Amino acid sequence: MRVHILDDWFDTLRQLPCFRKLEHHETTVWNDHIEDVDVLAERLADAEALCLFRERTAIRKPLIERLPNLKIVSQRSVWPHIDVDVLTKRGILLCSSQHAETPSFATAELTWALILTAMRQIPAQQDSLKAGCWQMGVGRSVRGRTLGLYGYGRIARLVADYAKAFGLNVVWWASEEGRARAEANGERIAKSRRAFFAEPDIISIHVRLNSSTRGLITASDLAAMRSDSLFVNTSRAELVEPNQLLAALNAGRPGGAAVDVFENEPLTNRDDPLVNHPNVLCTPHIGYVTEDEYELQFSDIFDQVNAFARGAPINVINTEALGLLT
């Protein structure tokens, strides 16, 4: 098959063991990011399979309709960036592994790194030293503090393990079903949603983005946080009501934030007010960006391409399209 891989910005995949899974295909790897539909349509005109880096490139109707040879879009995780109905009508499969048993260790590790980095003011301390000064302030230890985790999924449970190892108290909030599972496992559940936001020193969000969770974290939730608390988001920016995190920070509640995700990505505006806020630590959506995580994810993605080539597709999201395959 003619396979195209989009957005491999640092040409990482060719160096990984999983890339050998495509050795029997004609594979093209693109190392830039293009949003212009005309350019993409020209590049991908012969593509039979598209392999995606998460949501880096949107696969929408104007592009899909100009890809006459496309048979399969292979990716991992959720698909808010893909017009599934259009793929289905064209008889194009969307195959997406949901990694039911394997959490993203990389994302959990970054979450914990952001917490420690923000609490100890590491970037500002480093900038002070580089400027010829010495200490610029007093950081905070995490031991004995309380971490609130919103969402009782695999990544959140990993973060909870790290927190407990560092001596933090962990309190949970989630959907009704998630809270029931947490309680059944002996976890501490906040007395109410308001109490969850009002009491912890640190709150970290670990929820999948879909139509029911978009805007899940409201202005009222953020306003309930303490003036010295830290809000952490390594999931999706759209889980927070649009523009409300910046407004809340400007109002002083929460006192600070550490975020890896943004409403518009890639974010390259050096004047972005959230990135430049004095009480915000930002990273450019690197939660899953490690060689180890790429090996894990793209092993699944390439397996889906090979399964399709063998005539036995796996992890099919739009099963209705199976009857339209030629």
C-alpha atoms as a PDB file:
ATOM      1  CA  MET A   1       0.000   0.000   0.000  1.00  0.00           C
ATOM      2  CA  ARG A   2       0.952   3.637  -0.427  1.00  0.00           C
ATOM      3  CA  VAL A   3       1.227   4.877   3.157  1.00  0.00           C
ATOM      4  CA  HIS A   4       1.657   8.514   4.172  1.00  0.00           C
ATOM      5  CA  ILE A   5       2.603   9.594   7.697  1.00  0.00           C
ATOM      6  CA  LEU A   6       1.820  13.186   8.618  1.00  0.00           C
ATOM      7  CA  ASP A   7       3.503  15.540  11.106  1.00  0.00           C
ATOM      8  CA  ASP A   8       6.559  13.519  12.133  1.00  0.00           C
ATOM      9  CA  TRP A   9       8.221  16.834  12.961  1.00  0.00           C
ATOM     10  CA  PHE A  10      11.594  15.467  14.060  1.00  0.00           C
ATOM     11  CA  ASP A  11      11.720  12.455  11.713  1.00  0.00           C
ATOM     12  CA  THR A  12      11.584  10.174  14.741  1.00  0.00           C
ATOM     13  CA  LEU A  13       9.646   7.194  13.458  1.00  0.00           C
ATOM     14  CA  ARG A  14      12.254   5.951  10.967  1.00  0.00           C
ATOM     15  CA  GLN A  15      14.615   5.326  13.895  1.00  0.00           C
ATOM     16  CA  LEU A  16      12.161   3.242  15.915  1.00  0.00           C
ATOM     17  CA  PRO A  17      11.808  -0.577  15.768  1.00  0.00           C
ATOM     18  CA  CYS A  18       8.102  -0.321  14.915  1.00  0.00           C
ATOM     19  CA  PHE A  19       8.889   1.379  11.582  1.00  0.00           C
ATOM     20  CA  ARG A  20       9.995  -1.995  10.220  1.00  0.00           C
ATOM     21  CA  LYS A  21       6.355  -3.009  10.250  1.00  0.00           C
ATOM     22  CA  LEU A  22       5.912  -0.887   7.116  1.00  0.00           C
ATOM     23  CA  GLU A  23       8.787  -2.447   5.195  1.00  0.00           C
ATOM     24  CA  HIS A  24       6.450  -4.040   2.641  1.00  0.00           C
ATOM     25  CA  HIS A  25       4.671  -0.776   1.901  1.00  0.00           C
ATOM     26  CA  GLU A  26       5.583   2.322  -0.089  1.00  0.00           C
ATOM     27  CA  THR A  27       5.885   4.805   2.775  1.00  0.00           C
ATOM     28  CA  THR A  28       6.215   8.593   2.679  1.00  0.00           C
ATOM     29  CA  VAL A  29       6.934  10.502   5.879  1.00  0.00           C
ATOM     30  CA  TRP A  30       6.163  14.222   6.095  1.00  0.00           C
ATOM     31  CA  ASN A  31       8.192  16.182   8.651  1.00  0.00           C
ATOM     32  CA  ASP A  32       6.348  19.504   8.540  1.00  0.00           C
ATOM     33  CA  HIS A  33       2.862  20.644   9.487  1.00  0.00           C
ATOM     34  CA  ILE A  34       0.567  21.835   6.707  1.00  0.00           C
ATOM     35  CA  GLU A  35      -2.987  23.127   7.150  1.00  0.00           C
ATOM     36  CA  ASP A  36      -3.570  24.320   3.583  1.00  0.00           C
ATOM     37  CA  VAL A  37      -6.038  21.850   2.053  1.00  0.00           C
ATOM     38  CA  ASP A  38      -4.765  22.438  -1.491  1.00  0.00           C
ATOM     39  CA  VAL A  39      -1.217  21.544  -0.493  1.00  0.00           C
ATOM     40  CA  LEU A  40      -2.331  18.506   1.497  1.00  0.00           C
ATOM     41  CA  ALA A  41      -4.570  17.256  -1.304  1.00  0.00           C
ATOM     42  CA  GLU A  42      -1.713  17.460  -3.772  1.00  0.00           C
ATOM     43  CA  ARG A  43       0.729  15.727  -1.425  1.00  0.00           C
ATOM     44  CA  LEU A  44      -1.658  12.946  -0.497  1.00  0.00           C
ATOM     45  CA  ALA A  45      -3.276  12.374  -3.880  1.00  0.00           C
ATOM     46  CA  ASP A  46      -1.930   8.808  -4.161  1.00  0.00           C
ATOM     47  CA  ALA A  47      -2.322   7.914  -0.482  1.00  0.00           C
ATOM     48  CA  GLU A  48      -4.122   4.678   0.306  1.00  0.00           C
ATOM     49  CA  ALA A  49      -3.382   4.855   4.034  1.00  0.00           C
ATOM     50  CA  LEU A  50      -2.890   7.871   6.294  1.00  0.00           C
ATOM     51  CA  CYS A  51      -1.121   7.488   9.642  1.00  0.00           C
ATOM     52  CA  LEU A  52      -1.700  10.338  12.055  1.00  0.00           C
ATOM     53  CA  PHE A  53       0.105  11.835  15.017  1.00  0.00           C
ATOM     54  CA  ARG A  54      -2.900  12.233  17.282  1.00  0.00           C
ATOM     55  CA  GLU A  55      -4.823  15.431  16.401  1.00  0.00           C
ATOM     56  CA  ARG A  56      -2.002  17.352  14.740  1.00  0.00           C
ATOM     57  CA  THR A  57      -3.766  17.459  11.353  1.00  0.00           C
ATOM     58  CA  ALA A  58      -7.524  17.652  10.929  1.00  0.00           C
ATOM     59  CA  ILE A  59      -9.008  15.219   8.424  1.00  0.00           C
ATOM     60  CA  ARG A  60     -12.136  17.055   7.322  1.00  0.00           C
ATOM     61  CA  LYS A  61     -14.549  16.889   4.416  1.00  0.00           C
ATOM     62  CA  PRO A  62     -12.751  19.364   2.083  1.00  0.00           C
ATOM     63  CA  LEU A  63      -9.612  17.212   2.245  1.00  0.00           C
ATOM     64  CA  ILE A  64     -11.261  13.784   2.290  1.00  0.00           C
ATOM     65  CA  GLU A  65     -13.205  14.550  -0.873  1.00  0.00           C
ATOM     66  CA  ARG A  66      -9.939  15.241  -2.718  1.00  0.00           C
ATOM     67  CA  LEU A  67      -8.217  11.966  -1.773  1.00  0.00           C
ATOM     68  CA  PRO A  68      -9.577   9.503  -4.341  1.00  0.00           C
ATOM     69  CA  ASN A  69      -7.320   6.596  -3.369  1.00  0.00           C
ATOM     70  CA  LEU A  70      -7.692   6.760   0.400  1.00  0.00           C
ATOM     71  CA  LYS A  71      -8.859   3.527   2.022  1.00  0.00           C
ATOM     72  CA  ILE A  72      -7.854   3.789   5.690  1.00  0.00           C
ATOM     73  CA  VAL A  73      -6.987   6.397   8.296  1.00  0.00           C
ATOM     74  CA  SER A  74      -4.949   4.798  11.068  1.00  0.00           C
ATOM     75  CA  GLN A  75      -4.336   6.491  14.398  1.00  0.00           C
ATOM     76  CA  ARG A  76      -4.529   6.045  18.170  1.00  0.00           C
ATOM     77  CA  SER A  77      -6.850   7.494  20.811  1.00  0.00           C
ATOM     78  CA  VAL A  78      -9.807   9.829  20.199  1.00  0.00           C
ATOM     79  CA  TRP A  79     -10.851  11.435  16.911  1.00  0.00           C
ATOM     80  CA  PRO A  80     -12.440  14.899  17.366  1.00  0.00           C
ATOM     81  CA  HIS A  81     -10.293  16.080  14.433  1.00  0.00           C
ATOM     82  CA  ILE A  82     -11.799  13.626  11.916  1.00  0.00           C
ATOM     83  CA  ASP A  83     -15.067  13.788   9.940  1.00  0.00           C
ATOM     84  CA  VAL A  84     -16.023  10.171  10.556  1.00  0.00           C
ATOM     85  CA  ASP A  85     -19.355  10.418   8.715  1.00  0.00           C
ATOM     86  CA  VAL A  86     -17.617  11.633   5.567  1.00  0.00           C
ATOM     87  CA  LEU A  87     -15.092   8.796   5.757  1.00  0.00           C
ATOM     88  CA  THR A  88     -17.923   6.310   6.182  1.00  0.00           C
ATOM     89  CA  LYS A  89     -19.866   7.595   3.171  1.00  0.00           C
ATOM     90  CA  ARG A  90     -16.703   7.245   1.096  1.00  0.00           C
ATOM     91  CA  GLY A  91     -16.084   3.701   2.346  1.00  0.00           C
ATOM     92  CA  ILE A  92     -12.878   4.755   4.121  1.00  0.00           C
ATOM     93  CA  LEU A  93     -12.101   3.043   7.411  1.00  0.00           C
ATOM     94  CA  LEU A  94     -11.067   4.866  10.552  1.00  0.00           C
ATOM     95  CA  CYS A  95      -9.012   2.483  12.674  1.00  0.00           C
ATOM     96  CA  SER A  96      -8.041   3.747  16.092  1.00  0.00           C
ATOM     97  CA  SER A  97      -6.585   1.712  18.925  1.00  0.00           C
ATOM     98  CA  GLN A  98      -8.064   2.734  22.257  1.00  0.00           C
ATOM     99  CA  HIS A  99      -5.130   1.276  24.276  1.00  0.00           C
ATOM    100  CA  ALA A 100      -7.581  -0.200  26.766  1.00  0.00           C
ATOM    101  CA  GLU A 101      -4.926  -1.771  28.973  1.00  0.00           C
ATOM    102  CA  THR A 102      -1.905   0.515  28.593  1.00  0.00           C
ATOM    103  CA  PRO A 103      -1.873   4.014  30.090  1.00  0.00           C
ATOM    104  CA  SER A 104       0.303   6.813  28.762  1.00  0.00           C
ATOM    105  CA  PHE A 105       3.221   6.661  31.160  1.00  0.00           C
ATOM    106  CA  ALA A 106       4.742   9.620  29.307  1.00  0.00           C
ATOM    107  CA  THR A 107       1.749  11.867  29.998  1.00  0.00           C
ATOM    108  CA  ALA A 108       1.607  10.850  33.650  1.00  0.00           C
ATOM    109  CA  GLU A 109       5.329  11.542  34.005  1.00  0.00           C
ATOM    110  CA  LEU A 110       4.996  14.979  32.411  1.00  0.00           C
ATOM    111  CA  THR A 111       2.074  15.797  34.691  1.00  0.00           C
ATOM    112  CA  TRP A 112       4.209  15.023  37.701  1.00  0.00           C
ATOM    113  CA  ALA A 113       7.169  16.931  36.258  1.00  0.00           C
ATOM    114  CA  LEU A 114       4.985  20.020  35.750  1.00  0.00           C
ATOM    115  CA  ILE A 115       3.701  19.822  39.305  1.00  0.00           C
ATOM    116  CA  LEU A 116       7.189  19.664  40.806  1.00  0.00           C
ATOM    117  CA  THR A 117       8.565  22.281  38.416  1.00  0.00           C
ATOM    118  CA  ALA A 118       5.787  24.757  39.144  1.00  0.00           C
ATOM    119  CA  MET A 119       5.807  24.228  42.895  1.00  0.00           C
ATOM    120  CA  ARG A 120       9.580  24.748  43.091  1.00  0.00           C
ATOM    121  CA  GLN A 121       9.590  27.676  40.602  1.00  0.00           C
ATOM    122  CA  ILE A 122      12.325  26.012  38.569  1.00  0.00           C
ATOM    123  CA  PRO A 123      12.027  28.051  35.331  1.00  0.00           C
ATOM    124  CA  ALA A 124      11.994  31.368  37.199  1.00  0.00           C
ATOM    125  CA  GLN A 125      14.882  30.299  39.435  1.00  0.00           C
ATOM    126  CA  GLN A 126      16.887  29.299  36.362  1.00  0.00           C
ATOM    127  CA  ASP A 127      16.096  32.595  34.612  1.00  0.00           C
ATOM    128  CA  SER A 128      17.225  34.478  37.727  1.00  0.00           C
ATOM    129  CA  LEU A 129      20.529  32.641  37.774  1.00  0.00           C
ATOM    130  CA  LYS A 130      21.091  33.257  34.057  1.00  0.00           C
ATOM    131  CA  ALA A 131      20.404  36.951  34.636  1.00  0.00           C
ATOM    132  CA  GLY A 132      23.262  37.137  37.136  1.00  0.00           C
ATOM    133  CA  CYS A 133      21.029  37.030  40.193  1.00  0.00           C
ATOM    134  CA  TRP A 134      20.658  34.407  42.864  1.00  0.00           C
ATOM    135  CA  GLN A 135      17.409  33.074  44.345  1.00  0.00           C
ATOM    136  CA  MET A 136      14.261  34.864  43.119  1.00  0.00           C
ATOM    137  CA  GLY A 137      11.735  33.521  45.633  1.00  0.00           C
ATOM    138  CA  VAL A 138      10.634  30.695  47.893  1.00  0.00           C
ATOM    139  CA  GLY A 139       9.128  27.543  46.438  1.00  0.00           C
ATOM    140  CA  ARG A 140       6.841  24.981  48.067  1.00  0.00           C
ATOM    141  CA  SER A 141       7.373  21.331  48.916  1.00  0.00           C
ATOM    142  CA  VAL A 142       4.686  18.854  47.885  1.00  0.00           C
ATOM    143  CA  ARG A 143       4.878  16.444  50.814  1.00  0.00           C
ATOM    144  CA  GLY A 144       1.853  16.738  53.089  1.00  0.00           C
ATOM    145  CA  ARG A 145      -0.154  18.753  50.568  1.00  0.00           C
ATOM    146  CA  THR A 146      -3.355  17.650  48.829  1.00  0.00           C
ATOM    147  CA  LEU A 147      -3.642  16.763  45.152  1.00  0.00           C
ATOM    148  CA  GLY A 148      -7.083  16.755  43.578  1.00  0.00           C
ATOM    149  CA  LEU A 149      -7.437  14.497  40.543  1.00  0.00           C
ATOM    150  CA  TYR A 150     -10.416  14.987  38.211  1.00  0.00           C
ATOM    151  CA  GLY A 151     -11.124  11.799  36.253  1.00  0.00           C
ATOM    152  CA  TYR A 152     -10.617   8.254  37.479  1.00  0.00           C
ATOM    153  CA  GLY A 153      -8.780   6.828  34.463  1.00  0.00           C
ATOM    154  CA  ARG A 154      -5.479   5.076  33.880  1.00  0.00           C
ATOM    155  CA  ILE A 155      -3.321   8.216  33.642  1.00  0.00           C
ATOM    156  CA  ALA A 156      -4.852   9.793  36.732  1.00  0.00           C
ATOM    157  CA  ARG A 157      -4.261   6.625  38.720  1.00  0.00           C
ATOM    158  CA  LEU A 158      -0.591   6.671  37.689  1.00  0.00           C
ATOM    159  CA  VAL A 159      -0.292  10.289  38.815  1.00  0.00           C
ATOM    160  CA  ALA A 160      -1.907   9.275  42.106  1.00  0.00           C
ATOM    161  CA  ASP A 161       0.767   6.608  42.571  1.00  0.00           C
ATOM    162  CA  TYR A 162       3.505   9.210  42.072  1.00  0.00           C
ATOM    163  CA  ALA A 163       1.764  11.592  44.467  1.00  0.00           C
ATOM    164  CA  LYS A 164       1.458   9.007  47.199  1.00  0.00           C
ATOM    165  CA  ALA A 165       5.134   8.091  46.809  1.00  0.00           C
ATOM    166  CA  PHE A 166       5.953  11.786  47.428  1.00  0.00           C
ATOM    167  CA  GLY A 167       3.742  11.936  50.494  1.00  0.00           C
ATOM    168  CA  LEU A 168       0.748  13.849  49.139  1.00  0.00           C
ATOM    169  CA  ASN A 169      -2.856  13.245  50.078  1.00  0.00           C
ATOM    170  CA  VAL A 170      -5.049  12.465  47.055  1.00  0.00           C
ATOM    171  CA  VAL A 171      -8.711  13.390  46.669  1.00  0.00           C
ATOM    172  CA  TRP A 172     -10.836  12.499  43.630  1.00  0.00           C
ATOM    173  CA  TRP A 173     -13.667  13.825  41.505  1.00  0.00           C
ATOM    174  CA  ALA A 174     -15.034  12.285  38.330  1.00  0.00           C
ATOM    175  CA  SER A 175     -18.239  11.260  36.624  1.00  0.00           C
ATOM    176  CA  GLU A 176     -20.753   9.484  38.814  1.00  0.00           C
ATOM    177  CA  GLU A 177     -19.525   6.147  37.464  1.00  0.00           C
ATOM    178  CA  GLY A 178     -15.892   7.144  37.985  1.00  0.00           C
ATOM    179  CA  ARG A 179     -16.535   8.245  41.560  1.00  0.00           C
ATOM    180  CA  ALA A 180     -18.255   4.936  42.274  1.00  0.00           C
ATOM    181  CA  ARG A 181     -15.232   2.999  40.982  1.00  0.00           C
ATOM    182  CA  ALA A 182     -12.840   5.152  42.990  1.00  0.00           C
ATOM    183  CA  GLU A 183     -14.883   4.727  46.156  1.00  0.00           C
ATOM    184  CA  ALA A 184     -15.075   0.960  45.610  1.00  0.00           C
ATOM    185  CA  ASN A 185     -11.266   0.955  45.438  1.00  0.00           C
ATOM    186  CA  GLY A 186     -10.999   2.720  48.765  1.00  0.00           C
ATOM    187  CA  GLU A 187     -10.122   6.154  47.395  1.00  0.00           C
ATOM    188  CA  ARG A 188     -11.104   9.423  49.046  1.00  0.00           C
ATOM    189  CA  ILE A 189     -13.861  11.281  47.190  1.00  0.00           C
ATOM    190  CA  ALA A 190     -14.469  14.995  47.679  1.00  0.00           C
ATOM    191  CA  LYS A 191     -17.677  15.843  49.572  1.00  0.00           C
ATOM    192  CA  SER A 192     -18.921  17.881  46.615  1.00  0.00           C
ATOM    193  CA  ARG A 193     -17.756  19.293  43.311  1.00  0.00           C
ATOM    194  CA  ARG A 194     -17.255  22.697  44.904  1.00  0.00           C
ATOM    195  CA  ALA A 195     -15.251  21.181  47.755  1.00  0.00           C
ATOM    196  CA  PHE A 196     -13.067  19.378  45.214  1.00  0.00           C
ATOM    197  CA  PHE A 197     -12.059  22.661  43.599  1.00  0.00           C
ATOM    198  CA  ALA A 198     -11.921  24.707  46.802  1.00  0.00           C
ATOM    199  CA  GLU A 199      -9.764  22.557  49.078  1.00  0.00           C
ATOM    200  CA  PRO A 200      -6.710  20.978  47.305  1.00  0.00           C
ATOM    201  CA  ASP A 201      -3.344  22.650  46.870  1.00  0.00           C
ATOM    202  CA  ILE A 202      -3.077  21.235  43.356  1.00  0.00           C
ATOM    203  CA  ILE A 203      -5.764  20.114  40.889  1.00  0.00           C
ATOM    204  CA  SER A 204      -4.913  18.051  37.807  1.00  0.00           C
ATOM    205  CA  ILE A 205      -7.401  17.207  35.063  1.00  0.00           C
ATOM    206  CA  HIS A 206      -7.405  13.774  33.384  1.00  0.00           C
ATOM    207  CA  VAL A 207     -10.537  13.443  31.263  1.00  0.00           C
ATOM    208  CA  ARG A 208     -11.056  12.456  27.638  1.00  0.00           C
ATOM    209  CA  LEU A 209     -12.370  15.166  25.352  1.00  0.00           C
ATOM    210  CA  ASN A 210     -15.697  14.442  23.696  1.00  0.00           C
ATOM    211  CA  SER A 211     -18.996  16.245  23.139  1.00  0.00           C
ATOM    212  CA  SER A 212     -20.097  15.652  26.731  1.00  0.00           C
ATOM    213  CA  THR A 213     -16.843  16.811  28.371  1.00  0.00           C
ATOM    214  CA  ARG A 214     -16.119  19.906  26.257  1.00  0.00           C
ATOM    215  CA  GLY A 215     -16.224  22.872  28.638  1.00  0.00           C
ATOM    216  CA  LEU A 216     -16.446  20.518  31.614  1.00  0.00           C
ATOM    217  CA  ILE A 217     -14.377  22.837  33.828  1.00  0.00           C
ATOM    218  CA  THR A 218     -16.317  26.061  34.262  1.00  0.00           C
ATOM    219  CA  ALA A 219     -15.504  29.584  35.343  1.00  0.00           C
ATOM    220  CA  SER A 220     -17.270  28.825  38.625  1.00  0.00           C
ATOM    221  CA  ASP A 221     -15.048  25.795  39.198  1.00  0.00           C
ATOM    222  CA  LEU A 222     -11.899  27.843  38.705  1.00  0.00           C
ATOM    223  CA  ALA A 223     -13.199  30.714  40.841  1.00  0.00           C
ATOM    224  CA  ALA A 224     -13.705  28.240  43.686  1.00  0.00           C
ATOM    225  CA  MET A 225      -9.995  27.378  43.757  1.00  0.00           C
ATOM    226  CA  ARG A 226      -7.648  28.857  46.335  1.00  0.00           C
ATOM    227  CA  SER A 227      -5.536  31.907  45.562  1.00  0.00           C
ATOM    228  CA  ASP A 228      -2.408  29.806  46.214  1.00  0.00           C
ATOM    229  CA  SER A 229      -3.502  26.672  44.355  1.00  0.00           C
ATOM    230  CA  LEU A 230      -2.105  25.231  41.130  1.00  0.00           C
ATOM    231  CA  PHE A 231      -4.248  24.104  38.168  1.00  0.00           C
ATOM    232  CA  VAL A 232      -2.660  21.463  35.913  1.00  0.00           C
ATOM    233  CA  ASN A 233      -3.934  20.339  32.511  1.00  0.00           C
ATOM    234  CA  THR A 234      -2.134  17.750  30.378  1.00  0.00           C
ATOM    235  CA  SER A 235      -5.354  16.387  28.858  1.00  0.00           C
ATOM    236  CA  ARG A 236      -7.067  18.858  26.500  1.00  0.00           C
ATOM    237  CA  ALA A 237      -7.521  22.625  26.671  1.00  0.00           C
ATOM    238  CA  GLU A 238     -11.111  22.318  25.459  1.00  0.00           C
ATOM    239  CA  LEU A 239     -12.069  20.613  28.721  1.00  0.00           C
ATOM    240  CA  VAL A 240     -12.050  24.141  30.172  1.00  0.00           C
ATOM    241  CA  GLU A 241     -14.603  26.718  29.071  1.00  0.00           C
ATOM    242  CA  PRO A 242     -13.046  28.916  26.355  1.00  0.00           C
ATOM    243  CA  ASN A 243     -10.811  31.727  27.663  1.00  0.00           C
ATOM    244  CA  GLN A 244     -11.808  31.060  31.266  1.00  0.00           C
ATOM    245  CA  LEU A 245      -8.448  29.823  32.532  1.00  0.00           C
ATOM    246  CA  LEU A 246      -6.739  33.084  31.579  1.00  0.00           C
ATOM    247  CA  ALA A 247      -9.598  35.104  33.074  1.00  0.00           C
ATOM    248  CA  ALA A 248      -9.434  33.089  36.296  1.00  0.00           C
ATOM    249  CA  LEU A 249      -5.672  33.541  36.602  1.00  0.00           C
ATOM    250  CA  ASN A 250      -6.047  37.269  36.076  1.00  0.00           C
ATOM    251  CA  ALA A 251      -8.654  37.280  38.834  1.00  0.00           C
ATOM    252  CA  GLY A 252      -6.249  35.477  41.157  1.00  0.00           C
ATOM    253  CA  ARG A 253      -8.008  32.110  41.475  1.00  0.00           C
ATOM    254  CA  PRO A 254      -6.263  29.776  40.927  1.00  0.00           C
ATOM    255  CA  GLY A 255      -2.919  31.271  41.845  1.00  0.00           C
ATOM    256  CA  GLY A 256      -1.050  29.501  39.074  1.00  0.00           C
ATOM    257  CA  ALA A 257      -1.315  26.961  36.276  1.00  0.00           C
ATOM    258  CA  ALA A 258       0.817  24.409  34.479  1.00  0.00           C
ATOM    259  CA  VAL A 259      -0.526  23.457  31.061  1.00  0.00           C
ATOM    260  CA  ASP A 260       0.622  21.314  28.177  1.00  0.00           C
ATOM    261  CA  VAL A 261      -2.418  21.842  25.938  1.00  0.00           C
ATOM    262  CA  PHE A 262      -3.967  24.810  24.141  1.00  0.00           C
ATOM    263  CA  GLU A 263      -7.184  25.624  22.321  1.00  0.00           C
ATOM    264  CA  ASN A 264      -5.300  26.246  19.062  1.00  0.00           C
ATOM    265  CA  GLU A 265      -2.356  24.000  18.271  1.00  0.00           C
ATOM    266  CA  PRO A 266       0.367  24.276  17.233  1.00  0.00           C
ATOM    267  CA  LEU A 267       0.581  27.531  19.171  1.00  0.00           C
ATOM    268  CA  THR A 268       3.358  29.682  17.701  1.00  0.00           C
ATOM    269  CA  ASN A 269       2.245  33.159  18.788  1.00  0.00           C
ATOM    270  CA  ARG A 270       5.058  34.388  21.026  1.00  0.00           C
ATOM    271  CA  ASP A 271       2.702  37.053  22.404  1.00  0.00           C
ATOM    272  CA  ASP A 272       0.000  34.613  23.518  1.00  0.00           C
ATOM    273  CA  PRO A 273      -1.292  35.936  26.869  1.00  0.00           C
ATOM    274  CA  LEU A 274      -1.532  32.532  28.545  1.00  0.00           C
ATOM    275  CA  VAL A 275       1.993  31.523  27.548  1.00  0.00           C
ATOM    276  CA  ASN A 276       3.329  34.839  28.809  1.00  0.00           C
ATOM    277  CA  HIS A 277       1.351  34.970  32.032  1.00  0.00           C
ATOM    278  CA  PRO A 278       3.752  35.297  34.989  1.00  0.00           C
ATOM    279  CA  ASN A 279       1.973  32.582  36.950  1.00  0.00           C
ATOM    280  CA  VAL A 280       1.792  29.980  34.185  1.00  0.00           C
ATOM    281  CA  LEU A 281       4.199  27.196  33.249  1.00  0.00           C
ATOM    282  CA  CYS A 282       3.640  26.060  29.657  1.00  0.00           C
ATOM    283  CA  THR A 283       4.935  23.203  27.522  1.00  0.00           C
ATOM    284  CA  PRO A 284       4.034  22.608  23.833  1.00  0.00           C
ATOM    285  CA  HIS A 285       1.821  19.482  24.101  1.00  0.00           C
ATOM    286  CA  ILE A 286       4.690  17.116  24.847  1.00  0.00           C
ATOM    287  CA  GLY A 287       2.783  14.811  27.184  1.00  0.00           C
ATOM    288  CA  TYR A 288       3.001  11.904  24.747  1.00  0.00           C
ATOM    289  CA  VAL A 289       6.147  13.058  22.929  1.00  0.00           C
ATOM    290  CA  THR A 290       8.773  10.496  23.898  1.00  0.00           C
ATOM    291  CA  GLU A 291      10.461   7.813  21.837  1.00  0.00           C
ATOM    292  CA  ASP A 292       9.001   5.176  24.132  1.00  0.00           C
ATOM    293  CA  GLU A 293       5.451   6.453  23.708  1.00  0.00           C
ATOM    294  CA  TYR A 294       5.863   6.761  19.933  1.00  0.00           C
ATOM    295  CA  GLU A 295       7.022   3.147  19.764  1.00  0.00           C
ATOM    296  CA  LEU A 296       3.962   2.074  21.718  1.00  0.00           C
ATOM    297  CA  GLN A 297       1.495   4.156  19.732  1.00  0.00           C
ATOM    298  CA  PHE A 298       2.820   3.620  16.230  1.00  0.00           C
ATOM    299  CA  SER A 299       3.247  -0.092  16.737  1.00  0.00           C
ATOM    300  CA  ASP A 300      -0.550  -0.151  17.063  1.00  0.00           C
ATOM    301  CA  ILE A 301      -1.037   2.288  14.180  1.00  0.00           C
ATOM    302  CA  PHE A 302       1.129   0.255  11.809  1.00  0.00           C
ATOM    303  CA  ASP A 303      -0.512  -2.990  12.937  1.00  0.00           C
ATOM    304  CA  GLN A 304      -3.828  -1.488  11.843  1.00  0.00           C
ATOM    305  CA  VAL A 305      -2.421  -0.715   8.389  1.00  0.00           C
ATOM    306  CA  ASN A 306      -1.070  -4.242   8.013  1.00  0.00           C
ATOM    307  CA  ALA A 307      -4.299  -5.820   9.196  1.00  0.00           C
ATOM    308  CA  PHE A 308      -6.197  -3.819   6.587  1.00  0.00           C
ATOM    309  CA  ALA A 309      -3.715  -4.856   3.883  1.00  0.00           C
ATOM    310  CA  ARG A 310      -4.325  -8.502   4.839  1.00  0.00           C
ATOM    311  CA  GLY A 311      -8.056  -8.015   4.451  1.00  0.00           C
ATOM    312  CA  ALA A 312      -8.820  -8.334   8.170  1.00  0.00           C
ATOM    313  CA  PRO A 313      -9.052  -4.770   9.568  1.00  0.00           C
ATOM    314  CA  ILE A 314      -8.861  -4.227  13.336  1.00  0.00           C
ATOM    315  CA  ASN A 315      -9.951  -1.469  15.724  1.00  0.00           C
ATOM    316  CA  VAL A 316     -12.503  -0.186  13.212  1.00  0.00           C
ATOM    317  CA  ILE A 317     -14.442   2.783  14.513  1.00  0.00           C
ATOM    318  CA  ASN A 318     -16.864   3.264  11.600  1.00  0.00           C
ATOM    319  CA  THR A 319     -17.888  -0.343  11.052  1.00  0.00           C
ATOM    320  CA  GLU A 320     -20.602   0.835   8.631  1.00  0.00           C
ATOM    321  CA  ALA A 321     -17.851   1.528   6.104  1.00  0.00           C
ATOM    322  CA  LEU A 322     -16.840  -2.136   6.012  1.00  0.00           C
ATOM    323  CA  GLY A 323     -19.764  -2.908   3.715  1.00  0.00           C
ATOM    324  CA  LEU A 324     -18.613  -0.241   1.266  1.00  0.00           C
ATOM    325  CA  LEU A 325     -15.056  -1.535   0.836  1.00  0.00           C
ATOM    326  CA  THR A 326     -14.051  -2.441  -2.681  1.00  0.00           C
END
